[in-house]
Amino acid sequence: MTDALELDALWEDFHRAVNMTSQELAAWLRVRDAGEDTEPLPEQAGTDTGQHVLAILQKRRTDLTEDDLRVMREVVDTVDGQTDPENEPEPESADGGTRRRHRLMTLGHDPLKA
C-alpha cells in the first residue's frame, strides 16, 4: 500500500496532469467514440483507461484502490513523457499534433489548456 506522503504526491501529480474536468473528459470520450451510424452508451464511451480516469476523478482520495493508484501513475508518466518539450518528437504528418492532443485528451489532459 502507498503511504500518506506518496498518496498526497500522486494525488497532486495526477490532478496536475489531468487538467480536464470529469464533465469535459466524459464529453470528449463520447465525441471520440461517436460513429456515423452508432455510438456507445455514454458510460461505455472511450478507452478502458479513459473510463478509469473518469472514475478516479469522481472519487475521494480515501476511496482509491490499488488499481486506481496504478492507473494514476501510468497517466502521470504518460502525460509527463508526452508533454516534456525536450522529449517532444517531430510530428509524423501534418496532423501529428492533433493526433497527439487527442491521445492525451483520452487520458484527461488537454495540452491546449493553460
N, C-alpha and C. Protein backbone atom coordinates (compact mmCIF):
# COMPACT_ATOMS: atom_id res chain seq x y z
N MET A 1 0.84 -1.19 0.00
CA MET A 1 0.00 0.00 0.00
C MET A 1 0.88 1.24 0.00
N THR A 2 0.39 2.28 -0.57
CA THR A 2 1.09 3.54 -0.67
C THR A 2 0.93 4.31 0.63
N ASP A 3 2.06 4.91 1.13
CA ASP A 3 1.95 5.67 2.37
C ASP A 3 1.32 7.04 2.10
N ALA A 4 0.99 7.76 3.16
CA ALA A 4 0.24 9.01 3.04
C ALA A 4 0.98 10.06 2.22
N LEU A 5 2.29 10.17 2.41
CA LEU A 5 3.05 11.17 1.65
C LEU A 5 3.08 10.84 0.17
N GLU A 6 3.28 9.56 -0.14
CA GLU A 6 3.27 9.14 -1.55
C GLU A 6 1.89 9.38 -2.17
N LEU A 7 0.85 9.06 -1.42
CA LEU A 7 -0.51 9.25 -1.91
C LEU A 7 -0.79 10.74 -2.18
N ASP A 8 -0.36 11.60 -1.24
CA ASP A 8 -0.55 13.04 -1.43
C ASP A 8 0.16 13.52 -2.70
N ALA A 9 1.40 13.08 -2.89
CA ALA A 9 2.18 13.49 -4.06
C ALA A 9 1.53 12.97 -5.35
N LEU A 10 1.10 11.71 -5.34
CA LEU A 10 0.46 11.13 -6.52
C LEU A 10 -0.85 11.85 -6.83
N TRP A 11 -1.64 12.14 -5.81
CA TRP A 11 -2.91 12.85 -5.97
C TRP A 11 -2.65 14.21 -6.64
N GLU A 12 -1.66 14.94 -6.15
CA GLU A 12 -1.32 16.25 -6.73
C GLU A 12 -0.82 16.10 -8.16
N ASP A 13 0.09 15.15 -8.39
CA ASP A 13 0.63 14.94 -9.74
C ASP A 13 -0.48 14.56 -10.73
N PHE A 14 -1.38 13.69 -10.29
CA PHE A 14 -2.47 13.24 -11.15
C PHE A 14 -3.38 14.42 -11.52
N HIS A 15 -3.72 15.23 -10.54
CA HIS A 15 -4.62 16.36 -10.82
C HIS A 15 -3.91 17.49 -11.56
N ARG A 16 -2.61 17.51 -11.56
CA ARG A 16 -1.86 18.44 -12.41
C ARG A 16 -1.86 17.92 -13.85
N ALA A 17 -1.63 16.62 -14.01
CA ALA A 17 -1.58 16.01 -15.34
C ALA A 17 -2.97 15.97 -15.98
N VAL A 18 -3.97 15.63 -15.21
CA VAL A 18 -5.34 15.55 -15.72
C VAL A 18 -5.97 16.93 -15.51
N ASN A 19 -5.92 17.74 -16.56
CA ASN A 19 -6.40 19.12 -16.42
C ASN A 19 -7.81 19.32 -16.98
N MET A 20 -8.45 18.25 -17.37
CA MET A 20 -9.84 18.33 -17.82
C MET A 20 -10.75 17.95 -16.66
N THR A 21 -11.92 18.57 -16.60
CA THR A 21 -12.88 18.19 -15.56
C THR A 21 -13.51 16.85 -15.95
N SER A 22 -14.20 16.24 -15.01
CA SER A 22 -14.86 14.97 -15.33
C SER A 22 -15.91 15.18 -16.42
N GLN A 23 -16.59 16.33 -16.42
CA GLN A 23 -17.59 16.61 -17.45
C GLN A 23 -16.92 16.75 -18.82
N GLU A 24 -15.79 17.47 -18.87
CA GLU A 24 -15.08 17.63 -20.14
C GLU A 24 -14.58 16.30 -20.67
N LEU A 25 -14.02 15.48 -19.78
CA LEU A 25 -13.50 14.17 -20.19
C LEU A 25 -14.63 13.28 -20.67
N ALA A 26 -15.73 13.23 -19.94
CA ALA A 26 -16.87 12.40 -20.34
C ALA A 26 -17.38 12.82 -21.72
N ALA A 27 -17.48 14.12 -21.94
CA ALA A 27 -17.94 14.62 -23.24
C ALA A 27 -16.96 14.25 -24.34
N TRP A 28 -15.65 14.38 -24.07
CA TRP A 28 -14.64 14.04 -25.07
C TRP A 28 -14.70 12.55 -25.41
N LEU A 29 -14.83 11.70 -24.41
CA LEU A 29 -14.89 10.26 -24.66
C LEU A 29 -16.10 9.91 -25.52
N ARG A 30 -17.23 10.57 -25.29
CA ARG A 30 -18.42 10.33 -26.11
C ARG A 30 -18.19 10.80 -27.54
N VAL A 31 -17.62 11.98 -27.71
CA VAL A 31 -17.36 12.52 -29.05
C VAL A 31 -16.36 11.64 -29.78
N ARG A 32 -15.32 11.22 -29.09
CA ARG A 32 -14.26 10.43 -29.70
C ARG A 32 -14.80 9.12 -30.25
N ASP A 33 -15.75 8.51 -29.56
CA ASP A 33 -16.27 7.20 -29.96
C ASP A 33 -17.51 7.28 -30.85
N ALA A 34 -18.01 8.47 -31.07
CA ALA A 34 -19.22 8.60 -31.89
C ALA A 34 -18.90 8.24 -33.33
N GLY A 35 -19.72 7.38 -33.91
CA GLY A 35 -19.55 6.98 -35.30
C GLY A 35 -20.67 7.54 -36.16
N GLU A 36 -20.56 7.28 -37.45
CA GLU A 36 -21.60 7.78 -38.36
C GLU A 36 -22.94 7.13 -38.07
N ASP A 37 -22.92 5.84 -37.77
CA ASP A 37 -24.18 5.10 -37.61
C ASP A 37 -24.54 4.84 -36.15
N THR A 38 -23.54 4.68 -35.30
CA THR A 38 -23.83 4.34 -33.91
C THR A 38 -22.82 5.01 -33.00
N GLU A 39 -23.16 5.03 -31.74
CA GLU A 39 -22.20 5.43 -30.73
C GLU A 39 -22.53 4.63 -29.48
N PRO A 40 -21.51 4.38 -28.65
CA PRO A 40 -21.74 3.58 -27.46
C PRO A 40 -22.56 4.33 -26.42
N LEU A 41 -23.06 3.59 -25.45
CA LEU A 41 -23.72 4.23 -24.33
C LEU A 41 -22.72 5.16 -23.66
N PRO A 42 -23.17 6.29 -23.12
CA PRO A 42 -22.23 7.26 -22.55
C PRO A 42 -21.26 6.67 -21.53
N GLU A 43 -21.75 5.77 -20.69
CA GLU A 43 -20.86 5.20 -19.67
C GLU A 43 -19.88 4.16 -20.24
N GLN A 44 -20.03 3.83 -21.53
CA GLN A 44 -19.13 2.87 -22.17
C GLN A 44 -18.24 3.51 -23.21
N ALA A 45 -18.32 4.82 -23.37
CA ALA A 45 -17.55 5.52 -24.39
C ALA A 45 -16.09 5.66 -23.96
N GLY A 46 -15.20 5.58 -24.93
CA GLY A 46 -13.78 5.79 -24.66
C GLY A 46 -13.03 4.52 -24.36
N THR A 47 -11.75 4.69 -24.14
CA THR A 47 -10.89 3.56 -23.81
C THR A 47 -11.11 3.14 -22.37
N ASP A 48 -10.62 1.95 -22.03
CA ASP A 48 -10.71 1.50 -20.64
C ASP A 48 -9.98 2.47 -19.72
N THR A 49 -8.80 2.92 -20.16
CA THR A 49 -8.03 3.85 -19.32
C THR A 49 -8.77 5.17 -19.18
N GLY A 50 -9.34 5.67 -20.27
CA GLY A 50 -10.11 6.91 -20.19
C GLY A 50 -11.27 6.79 -19.23
N GLN A 51 -11.97 5.66 -19.28
CA GLN A 51 -13.08 5.43 -18.35
C GLN A 51 -12.59 5.34 -16.91
N HIS A 52 -11.41 4.73 -16.71
CA HIS A 52 -10.86 4.60 -15.37
C HIS A 52 -10.46 5.98 -14.83
N VAL A 53 -9.85 6.81 -15.68
CA VAL A 53 -9.50 8.18 -15.27
C VAL A 53 -10.77 8.93 -14.87
N LEU A 54 -11.82 8.79 -15.65
CA LEU A 54 -13.08 9.45 -15.34
C LEU A 54 -13.61 8.98 -13.98
N ALA A 55 -13.53 7.69 -13.72
CA ALA A 55 -13.98 7.16 -12.43
C ALA A 55 -13.14 7.71 -11.28
N ILE A 56 -11.83 7.82 -11.48
CA ILE A 56 -10.95 8.35 -10.44
C ILE A 56 -11.31 9.81 -10.14
N LEU A 57 -11.59 10.59 -11.19
CA LEU A 57 -11.94 11.99 -10.99
C LEU A 57 -13.20 12.14 -10.14
N GLN A 58 -14.02 11.12 -10.11
CA GLN A 58 -15.28 11.19 -9.36
C GLN A 58 -15.15 10.59 -7.97
N LYS A 59 -13.93 10.21 -7.57
CA LYS A 59 -13.71 9.60 -6.26
C LYS A 59 -13.06 10.57 -5.29
N ARG A 60 -13.21 10.24 -4.03
CA ARG A 60 -12.44 10.93 -2.99
C ARG A 60 -11.12 10.19 -2.83
N ARG A 61 -10.14 10.89 -2.38
CA ARG A 61 -8.80 10.29 -2.20
C ARG A 61 -8.87 9.04 -1.32
N THR A 62 -9.69 9.05 -0.29
CA THR A 62 -9.77 7.92 0.63
C THR A 62 -10.42 6.68 0.01
N ASP A 63 -11.07 6.85 -1.14
CA ASP A 63 -11.75 5.72 -1.79
C ASP A 63 -10.94 5.06 -2.90
N LEU A 64 -9.71 5.51 -3.10
CA LEU A 64 -8.89 4.98 -4.18
C LEU A 64 -8.46 3.54 -3.90
N THR A 65 -8.44 2.73 -4.95
CA THR A 65 -7.98 1.34 -4.85
C THR A 65 -6.54 1.26 -5.36
N GLU A 66 -5.92 0.12 -5.17
CA GLU A 66 -4.56 -0.08 -5.71
C GLU A 66 -4.57 0.03 -7.23
N ASP A 67 -5.63 -0.47 -7.87
CA ASP A 67 -5.74 -0.36 -9.33
C ASP A 67 -5.84 1.11 -9.75
N ASP A 68 -6.59 1.91 -8.98
CA ASP A 68 -6.67 3.35 -9.25
C ASP A 68 -5.28 3.98 -9.18
N LEU A 69 -4.53 3.63 -8.15
CA LEU A 69 -3.18 4.19 -7.97
C LEU A 69 -2.27 3.81 -9.14
N ARG A 70 -2.39 2.58 -9.62
CA ARG A 70 -1.59 2.14 -10.77
C ARG A 70 -1.93 2.97 -12.00
N VAL A 71 -3.22 3.16 -12.26
CA VAL A 71 -3.64 3.95 -13.42
C VAL A 71 -3.19 5.40 -13.26
N MET A 72 -3.30 5.94 -12.07
CA MET A 72 -2.86 7.32 -11.83
C MET A 72 -1.38 7.48 -12.16
N ARG A 73 -0.57 6.53 -11.71
CA ARG A 73 0.88 6.58 -12.02
C ARG A 73 1.12 6.51 -13.52
N GLU A 74 0.43 5.60 -14.19
CA GLU A 74 0.59 5.46 -15.64
C GLU A 74 0.21 6.74 -16.37
N VAL A 75 -0.89 7.36 -15.97
CA VAL A 75 -1.35 8.59 -16.62
C VAL A 75 -0.34 9.71 -16.40
N VAL A 76 0.14 9.86 -15.17
CA VAL A 76 1.13 10.91 -14.88
C VAL A 76 2.38 10.67 -15.72
N ASP A 77 2.88 9.44 -15.77
CA ASP A 77 4.08 9.12 -16.55
C ASP A 77 3.86 9.40 -18.03
N THR A 78 2.71 9.00 -18.56
CA THR A 78 2.42 9.20 -19.98
C THR A 78 2.31 10.68 -20.32
N VAL A 79 1.55 11.41 -19.53
CA VAL A 79 1.36 12.84 -19.80
C VAL A 79 2.69 13.57 -19.67
N ASP A 80 3.44 13.28 -18.61
CA ASP A 80 4.74 13.94 -18.44
C ASP A 80 5.67 13.61 -19.60
N GLY A 81 5.68 12.35 -20.03
CA GLY A 81 6.56 11.94 -21.13
C GLY A 81 6.18 12.56 -22.46
N GLN A 82 4.89 12.78 -22.67
CA GLN A 82 4.45 13.32 -23.97
C GLN A 82 4.33 14.83 -23.98
N THR A 83 4.50 15.48 -22.85
CA THR A 83 4.40 16.94 -22.82
C THR A 83 5.73 17.59 -22.49
N ASP A 84 6.77 16.81 -22.27
CA ASP A 84 8.10 17.36 -21.99
C ASP A 84 8.66 17.93 -23.28
N PRO A 85 8.88 19.26 -23.34
CA PRO A 85 9.34 19.88 -24.58
C PRO A 85 10.69 19.33 -25.07
N GLU A 86 11.53 18.87 -24.18
CA GLU A 86 12.83 18.34 -24.58
C GLU A 86 12.71 16.98 -25.25
N ASN A 87 11.67 16.23 -24.94
CA ASN A 87 11.48 14.89 -25.50
C ASN A 87 10.43 14.86 -26.59
N GLU A 88 9.96 16.02 -27.00
CA GLU A 88 8.87 16.07 -27.97
C GLU A 88 9.36 15.64 -29.36
N PRO A 89 8.79 14.57 -29.90
CA PRO A 89 9.18 14.15 -31.24
C PRO A 89 8.57 15.06 -32.29
N GLU A 90 9.18 15.07 -33.45
CA GLU A 90 8.61 15.82 -34.57
C GLU A 90 7.34 15.10 -35.02
N PRO A 91 6.31 15.84 -35.38
CA PRO A 91 5.09 15.18 -35.87
C PRO A 91 5.40 14.36 -37.12
N GLU A 92 4.78 13.16 -37.20
CA GLU A 92 5.00 12.29 -38.35
C GLU A 92 4.28 12.79 -39.58
N SER A 93 3.22 13.57 -39.38
CA SER A 93 2.45 14.08 -40.51
C SER A 93 1.90 15.45 -40.13
N ALA A 94 1.19 16.04 -41.06
CA ALA A 94 0.65 17.37 -40.81
C ALA A 94 -0.29 17.41 -39.61
N ASP A 95 -1.00 16.31 -39.34
CA ASP A 95 -1.92 16.31 -38.20
C ASP A 95 -1.33 15.61 -36.98
N GLY A 96 0.00 15.43 -36.94
CA GLY A 96 0.64 14.77 -35.80
C GLY A 96 0.32 15.42 -34.48
N GLY A 97 0.25 16.76 -34.46
CA GLY A 97 -0.08 17.46 -33.23
C GLY A 97 -1.51 17.20 -32.79
N THR A 98 -2.41 17.13 -33.74
CA THR A 98 -3.82 16.87 -33.42
C THR A 98 -3.99 15.46 -32.87
N ARG A 99 -3.35 14.49 -33.51
CA ARG A 99 -3.44 13.09 -33.02
C ARG A 99 -2.87 12.99 -31.61
N ARG A 100 -1.74 13.64 -31.37
CA ARG A 100 -1.11 13.62 -30.04
C ARG A 100 -2.05 14.26 -29.01
N ARG A 101 -2.63 15.39 -29.37
CA ARG A 101 -3.57 16.07 -28.46
C ARG A 101 -4.74 15.16 -28.14
N HIS A 102 -5.30 14.51 -29.15
CA HIS A 102 -6.45 13.64 -28.92
C HIS A 102 -6.08 12.45 -28.06
N ARG A 103 -4.90 11.88 -28.25
CA ARG A 103 -4.44 10.77 -27.38
C ARG A 103 -4.36 11.24 -25.93
N LEU A 104 -3.78 12.41 -25.71
CA LEU A 104 -3.65 12.94 -24.35
C LEU A 104 -5.02 13.28 -23.75
N MET A 105 -5.92 13.78 -24.58
CA MET A 105 -7.26 14.12 -24.08
C MET A 105 -8.01 12.87 -23.63
N THR A 106 -7.72 11.73 -24.24
CA THR A 106 -8.33 10.48 -23.82
C THR A 106 -7.92 10.13 -22.39
N LEU A 107 -6.77 10.66 -21.94
CA LEU A 107 -6.30 10.45 -20.58
C LEU A 107 -6.70 11.60 -19.66
N GLY A 108 -7.41 12.59 -20.19
CA GLY A 108 -7.85 13.70 -19.37
C GLY A 108 -6.93 14.90 -19.39
N HIS A 109 -5.97 14.93 -20.32
CA HIS A 109 -5.04 16.06 -20.41
C HIS A 109 -5.21 16.77 -21.76
N ASP A 110 -5.61 18.02 -21.71
CA ASP A 110 -5.71 18.82 -22.93
C ASP A 110 -4.51 19.74 -22.98
N PRO A 111 -3.56 19.49 -23.89
CA PRO A 111 -2.35 20.32 -23.94
C PRO A 111 -2.61 21.78 -24.28
N LEU A 112 -3.79 22.09 -24.82
CA LEU A 112 -4.10 23.47 -25.15
C LEU A 112 -4.67 24.26 -23.97
N LYS A 113 -4.98 23.55 -22.88
CA LYS A 113 -5.49 24.23 -21.68
C LYS A 113 -4.30 24.79 -20.90
N ALA A 114 -4.49 25.98 -20.37
CA ALA A 114 -3.41 26.61 -19.58
C ALA A 114 -3.26 25.92 -18.24
